[in-house]
Amino acid sequence: MLKRNGFFVFLFLMGLAAGGQEIQSRLSVITSKVSTQVDKKIFMTLQNGLTNFLNTRKWTSDVFQPSEKIQCSFLITIEQDLGGNIFKGKMTIQAARPVYNTTYDSPLLNFQDDNIVFKYQEFQPIEFNENRVQGNDPMVANLPAILAYYVNLILGFDYDSYSLRGGDPYFQKAWNIVNNAPDGREITGWKSMESLRNRYWLAENMNNNRFSLMHDVLYSYYRSGMDVFYENEEAGRSGIINSLNFINTINTENPNSMIVQLFFQGKGNELVKVFSKASGDQKARARELLTKLDITNANLYKDLR
């Protein structure tokens, strides 16, 4: 069964064979801030192990063709060696999905997680069990849990972009990881009281009925907007305007929510291009909504005249 719920039916009719895994990920580990006393070879082994973990694990029960694989990248910057094979740093996560009838990939997720801490010894297996997220050692289990969490979020966004509420099972899996996350003195990012913008709140927002319109946002923006742009630009812009109207409703009811801010990460230039050739009324409406909702990129949108 195709994950696109009929979107690429013609591929099915051509006779689908069992496809590969769902994720096409690039993962890099940056170690320039780590003491020269640490053997840097360990981080190359870590990078290879994490890349295999992401790209060879089966994350869903669906068949993904090569052209359907979700393009994503994980950049881990190690900033501190805490001793005892424990390292601390940050991670940048990016993901995109192809736009129908084009070679263009539209951003799905662009986020920096500043709460990365983990224990790793060279050649240590990279393991994750969703029924036992904490593993035998929470510090060892933390990095695989973080990666599994973001993979499920990415899958949730991707499935939502093709089918309304199609991503629910993966958002629930991400929430399960939060609720059973590794726990320890140095481990952060999983709890509500630690920050208003962390892994807890991102998964909470996508599973909370107060933000249920965000699922409509994702479907309208991608499936009713970007995917029809090639054949009908006016219809595509209308779909994207609808998604912005939904976001405006969410923002009115839940000011400064994390999920609204996250949605616009990496989309500024894309939105300017989408509306640069819009009609006067549509361009004015887009400018009004975007300068209000995406304050970080407000200067970009002021040129929509």
C-alpha atoms as a PDB file:
ATOM      1  CA  MET A   1       0.000   0.000   0.000  1.00  0.00           C
ATOM      2  CA  LEU A   2       1.400   3.371  -0.950  1.00  0.00           C
ATOM      3  CA  LYS A   3       1.835   5.920   1.789  1.00  0.00           C
ATOM      4  CA  ARG A   4       0.343   8.587  -0.479  1.00  0.00           C
ATOM      5  CA  ASN A   5      -3.182   7.173  -0.103  1.00  0.00           C
ATOM      6  CA  GLY A   6      -3.794   7.067  -3.806  1.00  0.00           C
ATOM      7  CA  PHE A   7      -1.906  10.216  -4.751  1.00  0.00           C
ATOM      8  CA  PHE A   8       0.511   8.331  -7.007  1.00  0.00           C
ATOM      9  CA  VAL A   9      -2.001   5.683  -8.099  1.00  0.00           C
ATOM     10  CA  PHE A  10      -0.480   5.523 -11.559  1.00  0.00           C
ATOM     11  CA  LEU A  11       2.722   4.147 -10.022  1.00  0.00           C
ATOM     12  CA  PHE A  12       0.756   1.373  -8.398  1.00  0.00           C
ATOM     13  CA  LEU A  13      -0.858   0.471 -11.693  1.00  0.00           C
ATOM     14  CA  MET A  14       2.595   0.110 -13.211  1.00  0.00           C
ATOM     15  CA  GLY A  15       3.242  -2.689 -10.704  1.00  0.00           C
ATOM     16  CA  LEU A  16       4.998  -1.761  -7.512  1.00  0.00           C
ATOM     17  CA  ALA A  17       7.655  -3.974  -6.096  1.00  0.00           C
ATOM     18  CA  ALA A  18       8.623  -3.795  -2.464  1.00  0.00           C
ATOM     19  CA  GLY A  19      10.467  -0.520  -1.985  1.00  0.00           C
ATOM     20  CA  GLY A  20      13.270   0.564   0.288  1.00  0.00           C
ATOM     21  CA  GLN A  21      13.134   2.377   3.602  1.00  0.00           C
ATOM     22  CA  GLU A  22      11.292   5.651   4.100  1.00  0.00           C
ATOM     23  CA  ILE A  23      14.131   7.982   5.032  1.00  0.00           C
ATOM     24  CA  GLN A  24      16.933   9.242   2.807  1.00  0.00           C
ATOM     25  CA  SER A  25      19.026  10.930   5.446  1.00  0.00           C
ATOM     26  CA  ARG A  26      22.377  12.671   5.564  1.00  0.00           C
ATOM     27  CA  LEU A  27      23.904  12.841   9.028  1.00  0.00           C
ATOM     28  CA  SER A  28      27.072  14.667  10.004  1.00  0.00           C
ATOM     29  CA  VAL A  29      28.885  14.974  13.313  1.00  0.00           C
ATOM     30  CA  ILE A  30      30.911  18.174  13.787  1.00  0.00           C
ATOM     31  CA  THR A  31      33.673  17.936  16.393  1.00  0.00           C
ATOM     32  CA  SER A  32      35.752  21.112  15.993  1.00  0.00           C
ATOM     33  CA  LYS A  33      35.026  22.140  19.594  1.00  0.00           C
ATOM     34  CA  VAL A  34      36.033  18.802  21.105  1.00  0.00           C
ATOM     35  CA  SER A  35      39.370  18.521  22.907  1.00  0.00           C
ATOM     36  CA  THR A  36      42.269  17.264  20.808  1.00  0.00           C
ATOM     37  CA  GLN A  37      42.817  14.646  23.515  1.00  0.00           C
ATOM     38  CA  VAL A  38      39.734  12.795  22.277  1.00  0.00           C
ATOM     39  CA  ASP A  39      40.296  10.372  19.388  1.00  0.00           C
ATOM     40  CA  LYS A  40      38.150  11.890  16.632  1.00  0.00           C
ATOM     41  CA  LYS A  41      37.858   8.491  14.912  1.00  0.00           C
ATOM     42  CA  ILE A  42      35.138   7.607  17.405  1.00  0.00           C
ATOM     43  CA  PHE A  43      32.893  10.293  15.916  1.00  0.00           C
ATOM     44  CA  MET A  44      33.279   8.970  12.382  1.00  0.00           C
ATOM     45  CA  THR A  45      32.197   5.573  13.676  1.00  0.00           C
ATOM     46  CA  LEU A  46      29.281   7.269  15.426  1.00  0.00           C
ATOM     47  CA  GLN A  47      28.325   9.141  12.250  1.00  0.00           C
ATOM     48  CA  ASN A  48      28.297   5.939  10.202  1.00  0.00           C
ATOM     49  CA  GLY A  49      26.314   4.063  12.843  1.00  0.00           C
ATOM     50  CA  LEU A  50      23.668   6.778  13.140  1.00  0.00           C
ATOM     51  CA  THR A  51      23.362   7.082   9.358  1.00  0.00           C
ATOM     52  CA  ASN A  52      22.737   3.341   9.061  1.00  0.00           C
ATOM     53  CA  PHE A  53      20.266   3.514  11.927  1.00  0.00           C
ATOM     54  CA  LEU A  54      18.232   6.194  10.155  1.00  0.00           C
ATOM     55  CA  ASN A  55      18.352   4.817   6.638  1.00  0.00           C
ATOM     56  CA  THR A  56      18.048   1.065   7.153  1.00  0.00           C
ATOM     57  CA  ARG A  57      15.454   0.885   9.920  1.00  0.00           C
ATOM     58  CA  LYS A  58      11.855   0.301   8.776  1.00  0.00           C
ATOM     59  CA  TRP A  59       9.871   3.154  10.311  1.00  0.00           C
ATOM     60  CA  THR A  60       6.429   2.415   8.802  1.00  0.00           C
ATOM     61  CA  SER A  61       4.516  -0.519   7.343  1.00  0.00           C
ATOM     62  CA  ASP A  62       4.101   1.227   3.972  1.00  0.00           C
ATOM     63  CA  VAL A  63       6.059   0.918   0.742  1.00  0.00           C
ATOM     64  CA  PHE A  64       8.126   3.925  -0.298  1.00  0.00           C
ATOM     65  CA  GLN A  65       9.472   4.157  -3.822  1.00  0.00           C
ATOM     66  CA  PRO A  66      12.888   5.832  -4.315  1.00  0.00           C
ATOM     67  CA  SER A  67      11.218   9.042  -5.543  1.00  0.00           C
ATOM     68  CA  GLU A  68       9.003   9.112  -2.440  1.00  0.00           C
ATOM     69  CA  LYS A  69      11.730   8.840   0.168  1.00  0.00           C
ATOM     70  CA  ILE A  70      11.762  11.765   2.560  1.00  0.00           C
ATOM     71  CA  GLN A  71      14.899  13.846   2.174  1.00  0.00           C
ATOM     72  CA  CYS A  72      16.266  14.931   5.539  1.00  0.00           C
ATOM     73  CA  SER A  73      19.487  15.897   7.240  1.00  0.00           C
ATOM     74  CA  PHE A  74      20.771  15.819  10.801  1.00  0.00           C
ATOM     75  CA  LEU A  75      23.756  17.927  11.821  1.00  0.00           C
ATOM     76  CA  ILE A  76      25.119  17.120  15.279  1.00  0.00           C
ATOM     77  CA  THR A  77      27.582  19.664  16.649  1.00  0.00           C
ATOM     78  CA  ILE A  78      29.410  18.374  19.708  1.00  0.00           C
ATOM     79  CA  GLU A  79      30.324  21.270  21.978  1.00  0.00           C
ATOM     80  CA  GLN A  80      31.507  19.606  25.189  1.00  0.00           C
ATOM     81  CA  ASP A  81      33.214  16.438  26.341  1.00  0.00           C
ATOM     82  CA  LEU A  82      31.746  15.818  29.794  1.00  0.00           C
ATOM     83  CA  GLY A  83      34.039  12.869  30.481  1.00  0.00           C
ATOM     84  CA  GLY A  84      33.180   9.195  30.766  1.00  0.00           C
ATOM     85  CA  ASN A  85      32.318   9.024  27.028  1.00  0.00           C
ATOM     86  CA  ILE A  86      29.497  11.529  27.559  1.00  0.00           C
ATOM     87  CA  PHE A  87      29.124  14.363  25.059  1.00  0.00           C
ATOM     88  CA  LYS A  88      26.927  17.435  24.866  1.00  0.00           C
ATOM     89  CA  GLY A  89      25.910  19.600  21.918  1.00  0.00           C
ATOM     90  CA  LYS A  90      23.122  20.596  19.565  1.00  0.00           C
ATOM     91  CA  MET A  91      21.377  19.160  16.527  1.00  0.00           C
ATOM     92  CA  THR A  92      19.932  20.806  13.429  1.00  0.00           C
ATOM     93  CA  ILE A  93      17.124  18.840  11.775  1.00  0.00           C
ATOM     94  CA  GLN A  94      15.880  19.564   8.264  1.00  0.00           C
ATOM     95  CA  ALA A  95      13.423  17.680   6.076  1.00  0.00           C
ATOM     96  CA  ALA A  96      11.680  18.324   2.777  1.00  0.00           C
ATOM     97  CA  ARG A  97       9.170  16.601   0.520  1.00  0.00           C
ATOM     98  CA  PRO A  98       8.947  16.660  -3.297  1.00  0.00           C
ATOM     99  CA  VAL A  99       6.403  18.917  -4.967  1.00  0.00           C
ATOM    100  CA  TYR A 100       4.281  17.084  -7.536  1.00  0.00           C
ATOM    101  CA  ASN A 101       5.290  17.520 -11.186  1.00  0.00           C
ATOM    102  CA  THR A 102       8.537  19.323 -10.285  1.00  0.00           C
ATOM    103  CA  THR A 103      12.086  18.600  -9.142  1.00  0.00           C
ATOM    104  CA  TYR A 104      11.601  21.014  -6.230  1.00  0.00           C
ATOM    105  CA  ASP A 105      11.578  19.901  -2.585  1.00  0.00           C
ATOM    106  CA  SER A 106       9.516  22.023  -0.181  1.00  0.00           C
ATOM    107  CA  PRO A 107      10.657  22.324   3.462  1.00  0.00           C
ATOM    108  CA  LEU A 108       8.771  20.177   5.985  1.00  0.00           C
ATOM    109  CA  LEU A 109      10.847  20.749   9.117  1.00  0.00           C
ATOM    110  CA  ASN A 110      13.719  23.071   9.995  1.00  0.00           C
ATOM    111  CA  PHE A 111      14.629  23.091  13.668  1.00  0.00           C
ATOM    112  CA  GLN A 112      17.615  23.368  15.990  1.00  0.00           C
ATOM    113  CA  ASP A 113      17.593  21.299  19.177  1.00  0.00           C
ATOM    114  CA  ASP A 114      20.022  22.690  21.746  1.00  0.00           C
ATOM    115  CA  ASN A 115      19.560  19.859  24.258  1.00  0.00           C
ATOM    116  CA  ILE A 116      21.650  16.988  22.950  1.00  0.00           C
ATOM    117  CA  VAL A 117      23.564  14.870  25.472  1.00  0.00           C
ATOM    118  CA  PHE A 118      24.529  11.236  25.096  1.00  0.00           C
ATOM    119  CA  LYS A 119      27.007   8.514  25.960  1.00  0.00           C
ATOM    120  CA  TYR A 120      28.861   6.693  23.217  1.00  0.00           C
ATOM    121  CA  GLN A 121      31.769   4.279  23.059  1.00  0.00           C
ATOM    122  CA  GLU A 122      33.235   3.339  19.688  1.00  0.00           C
ATOM    123  CA  PHE A 123      31.393   0.467  17.961  1.00  0.00           C
ATOM    124  CA  GLN A 124      28.608   0.611  20.525  1.00  0.00           C
ATOM    125  CA  PRO A 125      25.376  -0.601  18.845  1.00  0.00           C
ATOM    126  CA  ILE A 126      22.822   2.098  17.959  1.00  0.00           C
ATOM    127  CA  GLU A 127      19.591   0.669  19.332  1.00  0.00           C
ATOM    128  CA  PHE A 128      16.063   1.943  19.827  1.00  0.00           C
ATOM    129  CA  ASN A 129      13.034   0.065  21.141  1.00  0.00           C
ATOM    130  CA  GLU A 130       9.789   2.059  21.138  1.00  0.00           C
ATOM    131  CA  ASN A 131       8.452  -0.243  23.866  1.00  0.00           C
ATOM    132  CA  ARG A 132      11.456   0.467  26.076  1.00  0.00           C
ATOM    133  CA  VAL A 133      12.663   3.929  25.157  1.00  0.00           C
ATOM    134  CA  GLN A 134      14.927   4.281  28.215  1.00  0.00           C
ATOM    135  CA  GLY A 135      16.960   1.189  27.341  1.00  0.00           C
ATOM    136  CA  ASN A 136      19.433  -0.212  29.848  1.00  0.00           C
ATOM    137  CA  ASP A 137      21.293   3.096  30.234  1.00  0.00           C
ATOM    138  CA  PRO A 138      19.291   6.338  29.719  1.00  0.00           C
ATOM    139  CA  MET A 139      22.389   8.283  28.679  1.00  0.00           C
ATOM    140  CA  VAL A 140      23.204   5.703  25.985  1.00  0.00           C
ATOM    141  CA  ALA A 141      19.566   5.532  24.877  1.00  0.00           C
ATOM    142  CA  ASN A 142      19.071   9.302  24.672  1.00  0.00           C
ATOM    143  CA  LEU A 143      20.565   9.984  21.225  1.00  0.00           C
ATOM    144  CA  PRO A 144      18.731   7.134  19.426  1.00  0.00           C
ATOM    145  CA  ALA A 145      15.524   8.245  21.184  1.00  0.00           C
ATOM    146  CA  ILE A 146      16.004  11.827  19.971  1.00  0.00           C
ATOM    147  CA  LEU A 147      16.586  10.669  16.393  1.00  0.00           C
ATOM    148  CA  ALA A 148      13.579   8.329  16.492  1.00  0.00           C
ATOM    149  CA  TYR A 149      11.489  11.175  17.879  1.00  0.00           C
ATOM    150  CA  TYR A 150      12.392  13.489  14.984  1.00  0.00           C
ATOM    151  CA  VAL A 151      11.959  10.764  12.369  1.00  0.00           C
ATOM    152  CA  ASN A 152       8.413  10.194  13.620  1.00  0.00           C
ATOM    153  CA  LEU A 153       7.689  13.918  13.566  1.00  0.00           C
ATOM    154  CA  ILE A 154       9.010  14.139  10.014  1.00  0.00           C
ATOM    155  CA  LEU A 155       6.848  11.174   9.005  1.00  0.00           C
ATOM    156  CA  GLY A 156       3.859  12.840  10.664  1.00  0.00           C
ATOM    157  CA  PHE A 157       4.373  16.070   8.736  1.00  0.00           C
ATOM    158  CA  ASP A 158       4.924  14.161   5.502  1.00  0.00           C
ATOM    159  CA  TYR A 159       1.835  11.962   5.836  1.00  0.00           C
ATOM    160  CA  ASP A 160      -0.300  14.954   6.871  1.00  0.00           C
ATOM    161  CA  SER A 161       0.836  16.744   3.729  1.00  0.00           C
ATOM    162  CA  TYR A 162      -0.698  14.024   1.538  1.00  0.00           C
ATOM    163  CA  SER A 163      -3.758  12.970   3.552  1.00  0.00           C
ATOM    164  CA  LEU A 164      -5.709  14.936   6.166  1.00  0.00           C
ATOM    165  CA  ARG A 165      -4.748  13.569   9.609  1.00  0.00           C
ATOM    166  CA  GLY A 166      -2.644  10.942   7.863  1.00  0.00           C
ATOM    167  CA  GLY A 167       0.268  11.706  10.181  1.00  0.00           C
ATOM    168  CA  ASP A 168      -1.577  11.027  13.440  1.00  0.00           C
ATOM    169  CA  PRO A 169       0.041   7.600  14.142  1.00  0.00           C
ATOM    170  CA  TYR A 170       3.525   9.099  13.873  1.00  0.00           C
ATOM    171  CA  PHE A 171       2.768  12.156  15.993  1.00  0.00           C
ATOM    172  CA  GLN A 172       1.437   9.710  18.598  1.00  0.00           C
ATOM    173  CA  LYS A 173       4.653   7.703  18.395  1.00  0.00           C
ATOM    174  CA  ALA A 174       6.662  10.880  18.955  1.00  0.00           C
ATOM    175  CA  TRP A 175       4.470  11.655  21.974  1.00  0.00           C
ATOM    176  CA  ASN A 176       5.039   8.139  23.305  1.00  0.00           C
ATOM    177  CA  ILE A 177       8.799   8.721  23.112  1.00  0.00           C
ATOM    178  CA  VAL A 178       8.378  11.975  25.069  1.00  0.00           C
ATOM    179  CA  ASN A 179       6.316  10.277  27.756  1.00  0.00           C
ATOM    180  CA  ASN A 180       8.810   7.425  28.135  1.00  0.00           C
ATOM    181  CA  ALA A 181      11.967   9.386  27.411  1.00  0.00           C
ATOM    182  CA  PRO A 182      15.353   8.659  28.982  1.00  0.00           C
ATOM    183  CA  ASP A 183      15.698  10.476  32.279  1.00  0.00           C
ATOM    184  CA  GLY A 184      18.818  11.658  34.040  1.00  0.00           C
ATOM    185  CA  ARG A 185      20.506  14.641  35.663  1.00  0.00           C
ATOM    186  CA  GLU A 186      22.160  15.838  32.447  1.00  0.00           C
ATOM    187  CA  ILE A 187      19.323  14.874  30.096  1.00  0.00           C
ATOM    188  CA  THR A 188      17.059  17.756  29.040  1.00  0.00           C
ATOM    189  CA  GLY A 189      14.558  18.629  26.318  1.00  0.00           C
ATOM    190  CA  TRP A 190      11.875  16.097  27.178  1.00  0.00           C
ATOM    191  CA  LYS A 191      10.024  17.920  29.977  1.00  0.00           C
ATOM    192  CA  SER A 192       7.442  20.701  29.835  1.00  0.00           C
ATOM    193  CA  MET A 193       8.944  22.790  32.638  1.00  0.00           C
ATOM    194  CA  GLU A 194      12.395  23.023  31.068  1.00  0.00           C
ATOM    195  CA  SER A 195      11.448  25.323  28.193  1.00  0.00           C
ATOM    196  CA  LEU A 196       8.533  26.627  26.129  1.00  0.00           C
ATOM    197  CA  ARG A 197      10.263  25.493  22.940  1.00  0.00           C
ATOM    198  CA  ASN A 198      11.565  21.956  23.131  1.00  0.00           C
ATOM    199  CA  ARG A 199      10.768  18.370  22.144  1.00  0.00           C
ATOM    200  CA  TYR A 200       7.978  18.144  24.695  1.00  0.00           C
ATOM    201  CA  TRP A 201       6.023  21.112  23.348  1.00  0.00           C
ATOM    202  CA  LEU A 202       6.483  20.267  19.689  1.00  0.00           C
ATOM    203  CA  ALA A 203       4.986  16.796  20.136  1.00  0.00           C
ATOM    204  CA  GLU A 204       2.374  18.131  22.558  1.00  0.00           C
ATOM    205  CA  ASN A 205       1.147  20.709  20.056  1.00  0.00           C
ATOM    206  CA  MET A 206       0.780  18.142  17.272  1.00  0.00           C
ATOM    207  CA  ASN A 207      -1.253  15.840  19.532  1.00  0.00           C
ATOM    208  CA  ASN A 208      -3.355  18.507  21.271  1.00  0.00           C
ATOM    209  CA  ASN A 209      -6.879  19.178  19.964  1.00  0.00           C
ATOM    210  CA  ARG A 210      -6.312  22.907  20.546  1.00  0.00           C
ATOM    211  CA  PHE A 211      -3.981  22.759  17.538  1.00  0.00           C
ATOM    212  CA  SER A 212      -6.037  20.386  15.395  1.00  0.00           C
ATOM    213  CA  LEU A 213      -6.196  22.981  12.604  1.00  0.00           C
ATOM    214  CA  MET A 214      -2.461  22.526  12.092  1.00  0.00           C
ATOM    215  CA  HIS A 215      -3.240  19.249  10.336  1.00  0.00           C
ATOM    216  CA  ASP A 216      -5.482  21.183   7.922  1.00  0.00           C
ATOM    217  CA  VAL A 217      -2.636  23.661   7.479  1.00  0.00           C
ATOM    218  CA  LEU A 218      -0.218  20.946   6.364  1.00  0.00           C
ATOM    219  CA  TYR A 219      -2.700  19.346   3.961  1.00  0.00           C
ATOM    220  CA  SER A 220      -3.835  22.647   2.473  1.00  0.00           C
ATOM    221  CA  TYR A 221      -0.317  24.058   2.103  1.00  0.00           C
ATOM    222  CA  TYR A 222       1.198  21.049   0.368  1.00  0.00           C
ATOM    223  CA  ARG A 223      -1.510  18.926  -1.240  1.00  0.00           C
ATOM    224  CA  SER A 224      -3.980  21.722  -2.124  1.00  0.00           C
ATOM    225  CA  GLY A 225      -1.286  24.338  -2.607  1.00  0.00           C
ATOM    226  CA  MET A 226       2.230  23.406  -3.679  1.00  0.00           C
ATOM    227  CA  ASP A 227       1.206  20.184  -5.456  1.00  0.00           C
ATOM    228  CA  VAL A 228      -1.265  21.894  -7.784  1.00  0.00           C
ATOM    229  CA  PHE A 229       0.887  24.954  -8.469  1.00  0.00           C
ATOM    230  CA  TYR A 230       2.458  23.512 -11.626  1.00  0.00           C
ATOM    231  CA  GLU A 231      -0.899  22.914 -13.323  1.00  0.00           C
ATOM    232  CA  ASN A 232      -2.854  25.836 -11.872  1.00  0.00           C
ATOM    233  CA  GLU A 233      -0.969  28.629 -10.118  1.00  0.00           C
ATOM    234  CA  GLU A 234      -4.131  30.425  -9.028  1.00  0.00           C
ATOM    235  CA  ALA A 235      -5.553  27.306  -7.374  1.00  0.00           C
ATOM    236  CA  GLY A 236      -2.191  26.607  -5.748  1.00  0.00           C
ATOM    237  CA  ARG A 237      -2.011  30.091  -4.262  1.00  0.00           C
ATOM    238  CA  SER A 238      -5.573  29.752  -3.007  1.00  0.00           C
ATOM    239  CA  GLY A 239      -4.650  26.545  -1.200  1.00  0.00           C
ATOM    240  CA  ILE A 240      -1.696  28.252   0.448  1.00  0.00           C
ATOM    241  CA  ILE A 241      -3.806  31.280   1.409  1.00  0.00           C
ATOM    242  CA  ASN A 242      -6.257  28.854   3.037  1.00  0.00           C
ATOM    243  CA  SER A 243      -3.419  27.368   5.052  1.00  0.00           C
ATOM    244  CA  LEU A 244      -2.358  30.857   6.179  1.00  0.00           C
ATOM    245  CA  ASN A 245      -5.934  31.616   7.239  1.00  0.00           C
ATOM    246  CA  PHE A 246      -5.911  28.423   9.322  1.00  0.00           C
ATOM    247  CA  ILE A 247      -2.620  29.459  10.930  1.00  0.00           C
ATOM    248  CA  ASN A 248      -4.075  32.885  11.682  1.00  0.00           C
ATOM    249  CA  THR A 249      -6.938  31.203  13.550  1.00  0.00           C
ATOM    250  CA  ILE A 250      -4.493  29.044  15.516  1.00  0.00           C
ATOM    251  CA  ASN A 251      -2.358  32.066  16.356  1.00  0.00           C
ATOM    252  CA  THR A 252      -5.369  34.096  17.510  1.00  0.00           C
ATOM    253  CA  GLU A 253      -6.465  31.306  19.846  1.00  0.00           C
ATOM    254  CA  ASN A 254      -2.922  30.316  20.926  1.00  0.00           C
ATOM    255  CA  PRO A 255      -0.570  33.326  20.648  1.00  0.00           C
ATOM    256  CA  ASN A 256       3.154  32.646  20.281  1.00  0.00           C
ATOM    257  CA  SER A 257       2.701  28.883  20.103  1.00  0.00           C
ATOM    258  CA  MET A 258       5.737  26.853  19.160  1.00  0.00           C
ATOM    259  CA  ILE A 259       4.097  25.038  16.263  1.00  0.00           C
ATOM    260  CA  VAL A 260       3.166  28.260  14.428  1.00  0.00           C
ATOM    261  CA  GLN A 261       6.730  29.555  14.681  1.00  0.00           C
ATOM    262  CA  LEU A 262       8.095  26.198  13.572  1.00  0.00           C
ATOM    263  CA  PHE A 263       5.883  26.044  10.485  1.00  0.00           C
ATOM    264  CA  PHE A 264       7.506  29.097   8.905  1.00  0.00           C
ATOM    265  CA  GLN A 265      11.114  27.997   9.532  1.00  0.00           C
ATOM    266  CA  GLY A 266      12.770  27.725   6.120  1.00  0.00           C
ATOM    267  CA  LYS A 267       9.691  28.800   4.149  1.00  0.00           C
ATOM    268  CA  GLY A 268      10.249  32.572   3.791  1.00  0.00           C
ATOM    269  CA  ASN A 269      11.826  32.604   0.328  1.00  0.00           C
ATOM    270  CA  GLU A 270       9.422  29.936  -0.893  1.00  0.00           C
ATOM    271  CA  LEU A 271       6.403  31.998   0.119  1.00  0.00           C
ATOM    272  CA  VAL A 272       7.790  35.141  -1.507  1.00  0.00           C
ATOM    273  CA  LYS A 273       8.204  33.246  -4.793  1.00  0.00           C
ATOM    274  CA  VAL A 274       4.700  31.767  -4.521  1.00  0.00           C
ATOM    275  CA  PHE A 275       3.034  35.164  -4.169  1.00  0.00           C
ATOM    276  CA  SER A 276       5.378  37.346  -6.235  1.00  0.00           C
ATOM    277  CA  LYS A 277       3.143  36.958  -9.309  1.00  0.00           C
ATOM    278  CA  ALA A 278      -0.200  36.839  -7.473  1.00  0.00           C
ATOM    279  CA  SER A 279      -3.050  39.225  -8.198  1.00  0.00           C
ATOM    280  CA  GLY A 280      -3.132  42.496  -6.264  1.00  0.00           C
ATOM    281  CA  ASP A 281      -5.803  41.399  -3.801  1.00  0.00           C
ATOM    282  CA  GLN A 282      -4.241  37.994  -3.179  1.00  0.00           C
ATOM    283  CA  LYS A 283      -0.781  39.491  -2.787  1.00  0.00           C
ATOM    284  CA  ALA A 284      -2.097  42.051  -0.303  1.00  0.00           C
ATOM    285  CA  ARG A 285      -3.814  39.333   1.752  1.00  0.00           C
ATOM    286  CA  ALA A 286      -0.668  37.198   1.742  1.00  0.00           C
ATOM    287  CA  ARG A 287       1.470  40.161   2.839  1.00  0.00           C
ATOM    288  CA  GLU A 288      -0.979  41.010   5.634  1.00  0.00           C
ATOM    289  CA  LEU A 289      -0.997  37.455   6.991  1.00  0.00           C
ATOM    290  CA  LEU A 290       2.701  36.734   6.574  1.00  0.00           C
ATOM    291  CA  THR A 291       3.996  39.921   8.193  1.00  0.00           C
ATOM    292  CA  LYS A 292       1.697  39.206  11.133  1.00  0.00           C
ATOM    293  CA  LEU A 293       2.387  35.481  11.514  1.00  0.00           C
ATOM    294  CA  ASP A 294       6.045  35.187  10.523  1.00  0.00           C
ATOM    295  CA  ILE A 295       7.626  38.178  12.231  1.00  0.00           C
ATOM    296  CA  THR A 296      11.163  36.827  11.747  1.00  0.00           C
ATOM    297  CA  ASN A 297      10.805  37.164   7.967  1.00  0.00           C
ATOM    298  CA  ALA A 298       8.562  40.245   7.961  1.00  0.00           C
ATOM    299  CA  ASN A 299      11.064  42.283   5.914  1.00  0.00           C
ATOM    300  CA  LEU A 300      10.977  39.653   3.176  1.00  0.00           C
ATOM    301  CA  TYR A 301       7.215  39.925   2.826  1.00  0.00           C
ATOM    302  CA  LYS A 302       7.107  43.725   2.700  1.00  0.00           C
ATOM    303  CA  ASP A 303       8.330  43.482  -0.889  1.00  0.00           C
ATOM    304  CA  LEU A 304       5.090  41.728  -1.890  1.00  0.00           C
ATOM    305  CA  ARG A 305       3.469  44.760  -3.499  1.00  0.00           C
END
